[in-house]
Amino acid sequence: MTEGYVYRWTDSSNGKKYIGSHNGKDNNYKGSGKRFKLAYNKRPECFTREILYTGPDYIELEGFILEIEDVKNNDSYYNLSNQSGSGPILFGEDNPYYGKKHSPEIIDKIKKKRSKQVISKKPIIELSTGLRFEGVGECAEYHGIKSPFLSTLLKKNRPVLRGPNKGKHFIYEE
């Protein structure tokens, strides 16, 4: 399992904080929060980072801290969500784009981008069962989910949040 870390940035100009986590592959990682990045880019000299935890449970711990602090509703934080990562993947009516349609130009752009994507053939493991799959396509077909969605979950190291596969967590075999 990946050793990542949970961090807290503090802005000395106003006392605001930003909680985040990272997979540990880049120690220079700053964070991805929109409000945090705007503030940090304006005055990086005012920010200090503290590592709160290092280990395999970094995503869960980040989520726990975000919920306990209720950062979404707390003006002392730059965080916009109480969810670890980039927030939940929303489906159906919960998705702000639900019921809307893309313009033909946007559809063409999406098609062009997807045509250049290569579906990974790296082996995948579903953590709760230990099932091993030869690639994204095989795993997605077995679980009845779309390959791009599974690729996103793998990239973001996130479990499925809804539906019949809720709680399943997929990782690339190392």
Foldseek 3Di string as FASTA:
>chain_A
DFKKFWKKKAFQVQRAIEIAIDRPPDPPDDDDQPQVVVVCVVPVVRIDMDTPDIGDCHQVVSLVVLVVVVQCPDPSYSDNDSHYFPDADDDAPRDPCHPPDDDPVVVVVVVVVVVPDDFDQFWKAWPVVRDIDRGLVRVCVVVVHDSVVVVVCAVRQHAHCDDPRHPTTMYGDD
